[in-house]
Amino acid sequence: MATAVAQAPGASGADLLHEKAAGPLQVPLPAPTSDSRPKERPTLTEEQQQKYDWLLEQVKAWTEIPSTKGKAGPLTDSEKFWLTRECLLRYLRATKWHEKDSEKRLLETLTWRREYDVEGLTAEHISPENETGKQIVLGYDKDARVCHYLNPGRQNTDPSPRQVQHLVYMVERVIDIMPPGQETLALLINFKQSKSRSNTAPGIGLAREVLHILQHHYPERLGKALIINMPWIVTGFFKLITPFIDPHTREKLKFNEDMAQYVPAEQMWAEFSSGKLEFEYDHSVYWPALTKLCAERREARQQRWVAGGQQLGESEDYLAGAIEVGVAGPQVIETANKVEAVEKKVEEPTEVITPAPVAADDKTVEVKVEPATAAQDVVAAN
């Protein structure tokens, strides 16, 4: 059985290793192999940098996110956290660097995220959809992309809005654990039939809805899509939906190829191609492990965002721990550390001193020593 021993940049403590177990792996892998690395991002041209700067200034000037469903309002902290430098650049690339189109698309996505309640999708709500392991987040490809497996033959529910929510929820979890320098995912789809399900093609209506969400609200997130075991009915299905797939996405689709070209064999599920990773899906083990891993990585990023001054356009590499300083520079982090130190001091129990009785009136005088000045005042003095 293959086990992962590589440390992902920014991974911590218990994330570093999976001990070799007696049986197949049943939990997500926390890190890519040591020789799996993201491709270096291209440097922005002067014109591209100007377009990015323009878009960032527009975002900073937003006073309200529109909604026709009663959810209009100013940006929330979680939305500001979502609006990273790389996020803005993804929308610029998706609109071929048309600044106004990218701003429009960003606002549409923020409206959709509110109205669809993306952040309100919980592990408990989605859990019934994944009881058979029809979607699995497991391992990384050779470019350190998180591998997201789709197994239509394990379908266990009837078509419903929750099926689409399931995919959205899993894509969000993939994003939670992306290593530094990587912002795309690898989609691995196995249309292998099962005893309970011979037709593994989704309905056209459901497929179009999913395509719309992924193309419009997760632009530039698909790095590679590897598709195997396509029966004739699925081939026909792809011919039907091809007109709805943009040309840039179509170039990333690979059909019935040896996936070992793209994914290290030791991190590729043995059910796929020439994978050597023995993995067995047990919902009671895998689901809480995935939930915990993603929550820890997400919380670590959010803490770094706060320490960096809660900046719009923050660097995702900084949030992932790959670099020490965010877009606001080192002074913001130093100030945040001073505030934290002073706040801890302020929270300490107040010392009460009771001196000896005063002879003049034979009364005991209680003297209360007040804590230091407020944290912000101490930092301001520096």
Protein backbone atom coordinates (compact mmCIF):
# COMPACT_ATOMS: atom_id res chain seq x y z
CA MET A 1 0.00 0.00 0.00
CA ALA A 2 1.27 3.46 -0.88
CA THR A 3 1.43 6.09 1.83
CA ALA A 4 2.13 9.81 1.55
CA VAL A 5 5.08 11.20 3.48
CA ALA A 6 5.66 14.53 1.76
CA GLN A 7 5.04 17.76 3.63
CA ALA A 8 2.96 20.40 1.92
CA PRO A 9 4.24 23.95 2.33
CA GLY A 10 2.37 25.42 5.27
CA ALA A 11 1.18 22.04 6.57
CA SER A 12 1.36 21.67 10.32
CA GLY A 13 1.86 19.13 13.07
CA ALA A 14 -0.37 16.13 12.66
CA ASP A 15 -0.80 16.91 8.96
CA LEU A 16 2.72 15.84 8.07
CA LEU A 17 2.41 12.06 7.89
CA HIS A 18 -0.12 9.31 7.55
CA GLU A 19 1.16 6.31 9.46
CA LYS A 20 1.09 3.09 7.49
CA ALA A 21 -2.01 1.23 8.57
CA ALA A 22 -2.85 -2.48 8.47
CA GLY A 23 -5.44 -1.99 5.75
CA PRO A 24 -6.34 0.45 2.98
CA LEU A 25 -6.20 4.21 3.59
CA GLN A 26 -9.55 5.66 4.69
CA VAL A 27 -8.77 9.35 5.17
CA PRO A 28 -7.63 12.22 2.90
CA LEU A 29 -3.94 12.69 2.14
CA PRO A 30 -2.67 15.94 3.67
CA ALA A 31 0.15 16.79 1.26
CA PRO A 32 1.52 16.24 -2.25
CA THR A 33 4.58 14.10 -2.89
CA SER A 34 7.91 15.86 -2.39
CA ASP A 35 8.49 16.21 -6.14
CA SER A 36 4.97 17.43 -6.99
CA ARG A 37 5.07 21.20 -7.36
CA PRO A 38 2.85 23.88 -8.88
CA LYS A 39 4.04 25.57 -12.04
CA GLU A 40 5.38 29.06 -11.43
CA ARG A 41 2.85 31.80 -12.02
CA PRO A 42 3.70 34.13 -14.92
CA THR A 43 4.70 37.65 -13.97
CA LEU A 44 2.07 40.26 -14.80
CA THR A 45 2.80 42.64 -17.63
CA GLU A 46 2.66 46.35 -16.90
CA GLU A 47 -0.75 46.55 -18.58
CA GLN A 48 -2.10 43.59 -16.62
CA GLN A 49 -0.86 45.09 -13.36
CA GLN A 50 -2.68 48.34 -14.18
CA LYS A 51 -5.89 46.42 -14.86
CA TYR A 52 -5.51 44.56 -11.57
CA ASP A 53 -4.89 47.81 -9.68
CA TRP A 54 -8.03 49.30 -11.25
CA LEU A 55 -10.15 46.31 -10.27
CA LEU A 56 -8.82 46.32 -6.71
CA GLU A 57 -9.70 50.00 -6.30
CA GLN A 58 -13.21 49.28 -7.58
CA VAL A 59 -13.62 46.46 -5.07
CA LYS A 60 -12.44 48.69 -2.23
CA ALA A 61 -15.08 51.25 -3.24
CA TRP A 62 -18.01 48.81 -3.15
CA THR A 63 -20.62 49.84 -0.61
CA GLU A 64 -23.18 47.12 -1.24
CA ILE A 65 -23.49 43.69 -2.83
CA PRO A 66 -26.76 43.62 -4.83
CA SER A 67 -29.45 40.98 -4.32
CA THR A 68 -33.02 40.45 -5.50
CA LYS A 69 -33.68 38.02 -2.65
CA GLY A 70 -33.35 40.34 0.33
CA LYS A 71 -29.64 39.67 0.90
CA ALA A 72 -28.17 42.96 -0.29
CA GLY A 73 -25.68 44.65 1.99
CA PRO A 74 -22.04 45.69 2.48
CA LEU A 75 -19.16 43.25 2.16
CA THR A 76 -18.85 40.86 5.09
CA ASP A 77 -15.50 39.84 6.56
CA SER A 78 -15.76 36.40 4.98
CA GLU A 79 -16.37 37.99 1.57
CA LYS A 80 -13.36 40.28 2.03
CA PHE A 81 -11.31 37.21 2.93
CA TRP A 82 -12.53 35.55 -0.29
CA LEU A 83 -11.51 38.56 -2.43
CA THR A 84 -7.82 37.75 -2.65
CA ARG A 85 -5.31 39.03 -5.17
CA GLU A 86 -5.43 35.70 -7.00
CA CYS A 87 -9.24 35.72 -6.96
CA LEU A 88 -9.35 39.08 -8.75
CA LEU A 89 -6.75 37.87 -11.24
CA ARG A 90 -8.80 34.73 -11.97
CA TYR A 91 -11.77 36.87 -12.94
CA LEU A 92 -9.59 39.14 -15.04
CA ARG A 93 -8.18 36.16 -16.93
CA ALA A 94 -11.66 34.64 -17.32
CA THR A 95 -12.89 37.86 -18.97
CA LYS A 96 -9.74 38.18 -21.12
CA TRP A 97 -8.58 41.15 -19.03
CA HIS A 98 -11.67 43.28 -19.61
CA GLU A 99 -11.76 45.20 -16.33
CA LYS A 100 -15.44 46.17 -16.29
CA ASP A 101 -16.52 42.65 -17.27
CA SER A 102 -14.41 41.20 -14.47
CA GLU A 103 -15.96 43.57 -11.93
CA LYS A 104 -19.44 42.62 -13.14
CA ARG A 105 -18.62 38.91 -12.90
CA LEU A 106 -17.20 39.31 -9.40
CA LEU A 107 -20.33 41.07 -8.18
CA GLU A 108 -22.51 38.39 -9.79
CA THR A 109 -20.56 35.67 -8.00
CA LEU A 110 -20.77 37.42 -4.64
CA THR A 111 -24.53 37.80 -5.13
CA TRP A 112 -24.78 34.11 -6.07
CA ARG A 113 -22.72 33.01 -3.07
CA ARG A 114 -25.06 34.90 -0.75
CA GLU A 115 -28.28 33.74 -2.38
CA TYR A 116 -27.09 30.15 -2.79
CA ASP A 117 -25.80 30.27 0.81
CA VAL A 118 -22.46 28.70 -0.08
CA GLU A 119 -21.01 29.40 3.36
CA GLY A 120 -24.12 27.94 4.99
CA LEU A 121 -23.68 24.51 3.37
CA THR A 122 -22.68 22.23 6.24
CA ALA A 123 -21.08 18.80 6.46
CA GLU A 124 -24.23 17.53 8.19
CA HIS A 125 -26.52 18.73 5.40
CA ILE A 126 -24.35 17.30 2.62
CA SER A 127 -23.40 14.06 4.40
CA PRO A 128 -26.27 11.87 3.03
CA GLU A 129 -25.16 12.64 -0.53
CA ASN A 130 -21.68 11.24 0.06
CA GLU A 131 -22.48 8.11 2.07
CA THR A 132 -21.37 5.86 -0.81
CA GLY A 133 -18.26 7.89 -1.67
CA LYS A 134 -19.50 9.22 -4.99
CA GLN A 135 -17.22 12.23 -4.52
CA ILE A 136 -13.80 11.89 -2.89
CA VAL A 137 -11.02 14.38 -2.26
CA LEU A 138 -7.83 12.33 -2.23
CA GLY A 139 -4.20 13.00 -3.12
CA TYR A 140 -2.52 15.48 -5.49
CA ASP A 141 -1.39 15.40 -9.11
CA LYS A 142 2.14 16.11 -10.33
CA ASP A 143 1.46 19.86 -10.31
CA ALA A 144 0.27 19.65 -6.67
CA ARG A 145 -3.39 20.06 -7.65
CA VAL A 146 -5.85 18.48 -5.22
CA CYS A 147 -7.50 15.44 -6.87
CA HIS A 148 -11.30 15.50 -6.75
CA TYR A 149 -12.77 12.13 -7.75
CA LEU A 150 -16.29 11.79 -9.13
CA ASN A 151 -17.79 8.28 -9.16
CA PRO A 152 -21.23 8.44 -10.86
CA GLY A 153 -21.62 4.67 -10.51
CA ARG A 154 -21.92 5.19 -6.74
CA GLN A 155 -24.93 7.48 -7.11
CA ASN A 156 -27.19 6.96 -4.09
CA THR A 157 -29.80 9.75 -4.33
CA ASP A 158 -32.41 11.01 -6.77
CA PRO A 159 -31.88 14.31 -8.64
CA SER A 160 -32.43 17.24 -6.28
CA PRO A 161 -30.98 20.67 -5.44
CA ARG A 162 -28.84 18.98 -2.79
CA GLN A 163 -26.98 17.03 -5.48
CA VAL A 164 -25.75 20.31 -6.95
CA GLN A 165 -25.04 21.68 -3.46
CA HIS A 166 -22.96 18.56 -2.89
CA LEU A 167 -20.63 19.40 -5.78
CA VAL A 168 -20.37 23.05 -4.68
CA TYR A 169 -19.58 21.96 -1.12
CA MET A 170 -16.84 19.56 -2.26
CA VAL A 171 -15.23 22.14 -4.57
CA GLU A 172 -15.11 24.53 -1.60
CA ARG A 173 -13.39 21.83 0.48
CA VAL A 174 -10.86 21.25 -2.31
CA ILE A 175 -10.07 24.98 -2.24
CA ASP A 176 -9.62 24.80 1.55
CA ILE A 177 -6.68 22.40 1.23
CA MET A 178 -4.96 23.67 -1.92
CA PRO A 179 -1.22 23.98 -1.25
CA PRO A 180 0.58 27.31 -1.67
CA GLY A 181 1.12 28.35 -5.27
CA GLN A 182 -1.69 26.19 -6.63
CA GLU A 183 -5.17 27.54 -7.29
CA THR A 184 -6.59 24.89 -9.65
CA LEU A 185 -7.90 21.37 -9.09
CA ALA A 186 -7.66 18.04 -10.90
CA LEU A 187 -11.03 16.45 -11.63
CA LEU A 188 -10.94 12.66 -12.07
CA ILE A 189 -14.18 11.10 -13.30
CA ASN A 190 -14.73 7.34 -13.50
CA PHE A 191 -17.91 6.38 -15.38
CA LYS A 192 -17.47 2.73 -14.45
CA GLN A 193 -20.88 1.10 -14.07
CA SER A 194 -21.96 -0.54 -10.84
CA LYS A 195 -24.37 -3.40 -10.10
CA SER A 196 -26.96 -0.89 -8.93
CA ARG A 197 -26.37 1.70 -11.67
CA SER A 198 -25.74 0.98 -15.33
CA ASN A 199 -26.50 4.49 -16.68
CA THR A 200 -23.88 6.72 -15.09
CA ALA A 201 -24.60 9.84 -17.16
CA PRO A 202 -26.27 12.70 -15.25
CA GLY A 203 -29.36 14.42 -16.64
CA ILE A 204 -28.83 17.20 -19.16
CA GLY A 205 -30.61 19.77 -16.98
CA LEU A 206 -28.49 18.96 -13.94
CA ALA A 207 -25.31 18.95 -16.04
CA ARG A 208 -26.08 22.38 -17.50
CA GLU A 209 -26.71 23.83 -14.04
CA VAL A 210 -23.42 22.42 -12.75
CA LEU A 211 -21.52 23.70 -15.78
CA HIS A 212 -23.01 27.17 -15.33
CA ILE A 213 -21.96 27.30 -11.68
CA LEU A 214 -18.43 26.04 -12.30
CA GLN A 215 -17.77 28.23 -15.35
CA HIS A 216 -19.29 31.43 -13.98
CA HIS A 217 -18.57 31.23 -10.26
CA TYR A 218 -15.37 29.17 -10.12
CA PRO A 219 -13.48 30.54 -13.15
CA GLU A 220 -9.91 29.44 -13.76
CA ARG A 221 -10.24 26.71 -11.09
CA LEU A 222 -10.11 23.64 -13.34
CA GLY A 223 -6.55 22.60 -14.05
CA LYS A 224 -7.21 19.20 -15.59
CA ALA A 225 -10.19 16.87 -16.06
CA LEU A 226 -9.32 13.19 -16.53
CA ILE A 227 -12.24 11.02 -17.63
CA ILE A 228 -12.19 7.21 -17.99
CA ASN A 229 -14.48 4.22 -18.62
CA MET A 230 -16.87 6.11 -20.88
CA PRO A 231 -19.65 3.85 -22.24
CA TRP A 232 -21.40 4.89 -25.44
CA ILE A 233 -24.25 6.60 -23.59
CA VAL A 234 -21.80 8.82 -21.70
CA THR A 235 -19.94 9.62 -24.92
CA GLY A 236 -23.24 10.75 -26.38
CA PHE A 237 -23.92 12.77 -23.25
CA PHE A 238 -20.64 14.67 -23.64
CA LYS A 239 -21.45 15.41 -27.27
CA LEU A 240 -24.73 16.98 -26.10
CA ILE A 241 -23.15 19.20 -23.45
CA THR A 242 -20.02 20.16 -25.41
CA PRO A 243 -21.69 23.31 -26.85
CA PHE A 244 -22.16 24.55 -23.27
CA ILE A 245 -18.47 24.10 -22.36
CA ASP A 246 -16.24 27.06 -23.18
CA PRO A 247 -13.28 26.30 -25.51
CA HIS A 248 -10.68 27.01 -22.81
CA THR A 249 -12.27 24.37 -20.56
CA ARG A 250 -12.60 21.83 -23.38
CA GLU A 251 -8.83 21.92 -23.86
CA LYS A 252 -8.39 20.63 -20.31
CA LEU A 253 -10.53 17.51 -20.80
CA LYS A 254 -8.62 14.25 -21.27
CA PHE A 255 -10.57 11.09 -22.20
CA ASN A 256 -9.49 7.50 -21.48
CA GLU A 257 -5.81 8.39 -21.11
CA ASP A 258 -3.39 6.81 -18.68
CA MET A 259 -3.82 9.03 -15.63
CA ALA A 260 -0.32 8.13 -14.42
CA GLN A 261 0.87 10.78 -16.88
CA TYR A 262 -0.65 13.38 -14.60
CA VAL A 263 -0.95 11.87 -11.09
CA PRO A 264 1.84 10.12 -9.13
CA ALA A 265 0.93 6.42 -8.92
CA GLU A 266 1.47 6.40 -5.13
CA GLN A 267 -1.18 9.11 -4.72
CA MET A 268 -3.65 7.86 -7.33
CA TRP A 269 -6.55 5.71 -6.18
CA ALA A 270 -6.05 2.12 -7.35
CA GLU A 271 -9.54 2.09 -8.92
CA PHE A 272 -8.28 4.60 -11.48
CA SER A 273 -5.90 3.71 -14.29
CA SER A 274 -2.54 2.48 -12.93
CA GLY A 275 -2.93 3.96 -9.45
CA LYS A 276 -1.22 2.23 -6.53
CA LEU A 277 -2.96 3.94 -3.62
CA GLU A 278 -5.16 1.42 -1.84
CA PHE A 279 -8.11 3.42 -0.55
CA GLU A 280 -11.39 2.20 0.90
CA TYR A 281 -14.29 4.57 1.44
CA ASP A 282 -15.85 4.34 4.90
CA HIS A 283 -18.15 7.32 5.36
CA SER A 284 -17.98 7.18 9.17
CA VAL A 285 -14.19 7.57 8.99
CA TYR A 286 -13.57 9.66 5.88
CA TRP A 287 -16.27 12.33 6.27
CA PRO A 288 -15.26 13.61 9.74
CA ALA A 289 -11.57 13.42 8.76
CA LEU A 290 -12.15 15.56 5.65
CA THR A 291 -14.30 18.00 7.64
CA LYS A 292 -11.61 18.38 10.32
CA LEU A 293 -8.72 18.78 7.86
CA CYS A 294 -10.53 21.46 5.84
CA ALA A 295 -11.70 23.34 8.94
CA GLU A 296 -8.16 23.47 10.33
CA ARG A 297 -6.65 24.71 7.07
CA ARG A 298 -9.42 27.28 6.61
CA GLU A 299 -9.05 28.56 10.18
CA ALA A 300 -5.27 28.91 9.78
CA ARG A 301 -5.78 31.00 6.63
CA GLN A 302 -8.37 33.19 8.32
CA GLN A 303 -6.06 33.82 11.27
CA ARG A 304 -3.28 34.90 8.94
CA TRP A 305 -5.71 37.17 7.10
CA VAL A 306 -6.58 38.90 10.37
CA ALA A 307 -2.90 39.14 11.35
CA GLY A 308 -2.16 40.70 7.97
CA GLY A 309 -4.67 43.48 8.55
CA GLN A 310 -7.76 41.97 6.87
CA GLN A 311 -6.71 43.25 3.48
CA LEU A 312 -8.79 43.15 0.32
CA GLY A 313 -6.57 41.64 -2.36
CA GLU A 314 -4.48 39.64 0.13
CA SER A 315 -1.99 37.14 -1.27
CA GLU A 316 -3.15 33.51 -1.20
CA ASP A 317 0.47 32.42 -0.78
CA TYR A 318 0.64 34.50 2.40
CA LEU A 319 -2.64 33.04 3.64
CA ALA A 320 -1.32 29.52 3.02
CA GLY A 321 1.87 30.26 4.96
CA ALA A 322 4.30 30.12 2.03
CA ILE A 323 5.49 33.70 2.58
CA GLU A 324 5.81 35.60 5.83
CA VAL A 325 4.48 39.00 4.82
CA GLY A 326 1.13 39.93 3.27
CA VAL A 327 0.30 42.74 0.88
CA ALA A 328 0.21 45.34 3.67
CA GLY A 329 3.85 44.72 4.61
CA PRO A 330 5.56 43.68 7.88
CA GLN A 331 4.43 46.68 9.93
CA VAL A 332 0.82 45.46 10.02
CA ILE A 333 1.85 42.07 11.38
CA GLU A 334 4.11 43.65 14.00
CA THR A 335 1.25 45.90 15.12
CA ALA A 336 -1.15 42.95 15.29
CA ASN A 337 1.35 41.04 17.46
CA LYS A 338 1.68 44.03 19.83
CA VAL A 339 -2.10 44.33 20.13
CA GLU A 340 -2.39 40.62 20.91
CA ALA A 341 0.33 40.80 23.57
CA VAL A 342 -1.26 43.82 25.27
CA GLU A 343 -4.76 42.29 25.12
CA LYS A 344 -3.45 39.18 26.87
CA LYS A 345 -1.93 41.38 29.57
CA VAL A 346 -5.20 43.31 29.96
CA GLU A 347 -7.13 40.05 30.35
CA GLU A 348 -5.00 38.96 33.31
CA PRO A 349 -6.82 39.06 36.71
CA THR A 350 -6.79 42.46 38.39
CA GLU A 351 -4.44 42.55 41.36
CA VAL A 352 -6.02 43.75 44.60
CA ILE A 353 -3.67 45.06 47.32
CA THR A 354 -4.89 45.37 50.88
CA PRO A 355 -2.39 47.37 52.96
CA ALA A 356 -2.12 47.28 56.73
CA PRO A 357 -4.88 49.11 58.69
CA VAL A 358 -4.46 52.88 58.88
CA ALA A 359 -4.11 53.97 62.46
CA ALA A 360 -5.87 57.36 62.04
CA ASP A 361 -9.36 55.99 61.55
CA ASP A 362 -8.67 52.30 62.13
CA LYS A 363 -10.17 51.40 58.73
CA THR A 364 -8.74 49.10 56.08
CA VAL A 365 -8.17 50.79 52.74
CA GLU A 366 -8.58 48.63 49.61
CA VAL A 367 -6.44 49.78 46.69
CA LYS A 368 -7.38 48.48 43.22
CA VAL A 369 -4.58 48.51 40.68
CA GLU A 370 -6.03 49.17 37.22
CA PRO A 371 -4.57 47.38 34.17
CA ALA A 372 -2.44 49.14 31.60
CA THR A 373 -4.00 51.42 29.02
CA ALA A 374 -6.12 49.95 26.24
CA ALA A 375 -4.32 47.85 23.67
CA GLN A 376 -4.81 50.31 20.89
CA ASP A 377 -3.33 53.15 22.97
CA VAL A 378 -0.21 51.13 23.76
CA VAL A 379 0.31 50.24 20.11
CA ALA A 380 -0.33 53.81 19.00
CA ALA A 381 2.46 54.94 21.34
CA ASN A 382 4.83 52.73 19.39
